[in-house]
Amino acid sequence: MIKQFKGHKRGVWDIAFSPVEKVIASASGDNTVKVWNLVDGTCMKTLEGHISPVLKVEWMCYGLEVISGIVILIENCS
């Protein structure tokens, strides 16, 4: 069965399947990470606070924690 997960305001850059739960995490250009229920397709949690698009998401600690990454460009660092 194919499910559609709706909720991000911009494109999704990465997803990661939890190794222990029936959930995925998605990293988006809207500066958020969302955690989704794979069974019914609902958004369980939105993680805000990134200052730029989130490019990468991974599960850690046996699937109990989510880490995410952004790119920050620094100019004139002489």
Protein backbone atom coordinates (compact mmCIF):
# COMPACT_ATOMS: atom_id res chain seq x y z
CA MET A 1 0.00 0.00 0.00
CA ILE A 2 1.26 3.48 -0.86
CA LYS A 3 0.72 6.29 1.62
CA GLN A 4 1.05 10.01 1.14
CA PHE A 5 2.44 12.03 4.04
CA LYS A 6 1.28 15.66 3.93
CA GLY A 7 2.46 18.44 6.20
CA HIS A 8 5.79 19.93 5.11
CA LYS A 9 5.59 23.34 3.49
CA ARG A 10 8.66 22.74 1.29
CA GLY A 11 10.40 19.76 -0.26
CA VAL A 12 11.71 16.79 1.71
CA TRP A 13 15.47 16.22 1.54
CA ASP A 14 15.82 13.00 3.52
CA ILE A 15 13.85 10.34 5.39
CA ALA A 16 14.90 7.73 7.93
CA PHE A 17 12.99 4.66 9.07
CA SER A 18 13.06 3.93 12.80
CA PRO A 19 14.67 0.55 13.50
CA VAL A 20 12.28 -0.21 16.37
CA GLU A 21 9.00 1.65 15.82
CA LYS A 22 6.64 1.92 12.87
CA VAL A 23 7.64 5.55 12.27
CA ILE A 24 9.79 7.59 9.91
CA ALA A 25 11.46 10.96 10.30
CA SER A 26 11.60 13.44 7.42
CA ALA A 27 14.00 16.38 6.92
CA SER A 28 12.61 19.32 4.97
CA GLY A 29 13.42 22.61 3.30
CA ASP A 30 10.84 24.24 5.60
CA ASN A 31 13.42 24.06 8.44
CA THR A 32 11.61 21.24 10.26
CA VAL A 33 11.87 17.54 10.98
CA LYS A 34 8.62 15.61 11.22
CA VAL A 35 8.03 12.19 12.77
CA TRP A 36 5.32 10.20 10.99
CA ASN A 37 3.23 7.18 11.95
CA LEU A 38 3.68 4.59 9.18
CA VAL A 39 0.41 2.83 10.00
CA ASP A 40 -2.00 5.73 9.49
CA GLY A 41 0.23 8.43 7.91
CA THR A 42 -0.30 11.04 10.64
CA CYS A 43 2.35 13.48 11.82
CA MET A 44 3.19 12.59 15.41
CA LYS A 45 5.65 15.41 16.10
CA THR A 46 7.14 18.46 14.37
CA LEU A 47 10.63 19.46 15.47
CA GLU A 48 11.22 23.17 14.89
CA GLY A 49 14.10 25.52 15.61
CA HIS A 50 16.47 24.92 12.69
CA ILE A 51 17.76 28.15 11.15
CA SER A 52 17.95 26.77 7.60
CA PRO A 53 16.66 23.82 5.56
CA VAL A 54 17.24 20.44 7.18
CA LEU A 55 19.24 18.23 4.82
CA LYS A 56 19.76 15.03 6.81
CA VAL A 57 17.96 13.03 9.48
CA GLU A 58 18.99 9.81 11.28
CA TRP A 59 17.83 7.70 14.20
CA MET A 60 20.19 7.11 17.15
CA CYS A 61 20.12 5.26 20.45
CA TYR A 62 18.34 2.18 19.09
CA GLY A 63 15.73 4.30 17.32
CA LEU A 64 14.75 6.38 20.34
CA GLU A 65 16.34 9.71 19.31
CA VAL A 66 16.42 11.69 16.07
CA ILE A 67 19.40 13.77 14.95
CA SER A 68 19.32 16.24 12.08
CA GLY A 69 21.77 18.34 10.14
CA ILE A 70 21.89 21.65 8.31
CA VAL A 71 24.55 23.47 6.30
CA ILE A 72 25.68 26.92 7.38
CA LEU A 73 27.80 28.89 4.91
CA ILE A 74 30.29 31.27 6.49
CA GLU A 75 31.81 33.98 4.33
CA ASN A 76 34.95 36.04 4.94
CA CYS A 77 36.42 33.69 7.51
CA SER A 78 39.94 35.12 7.21
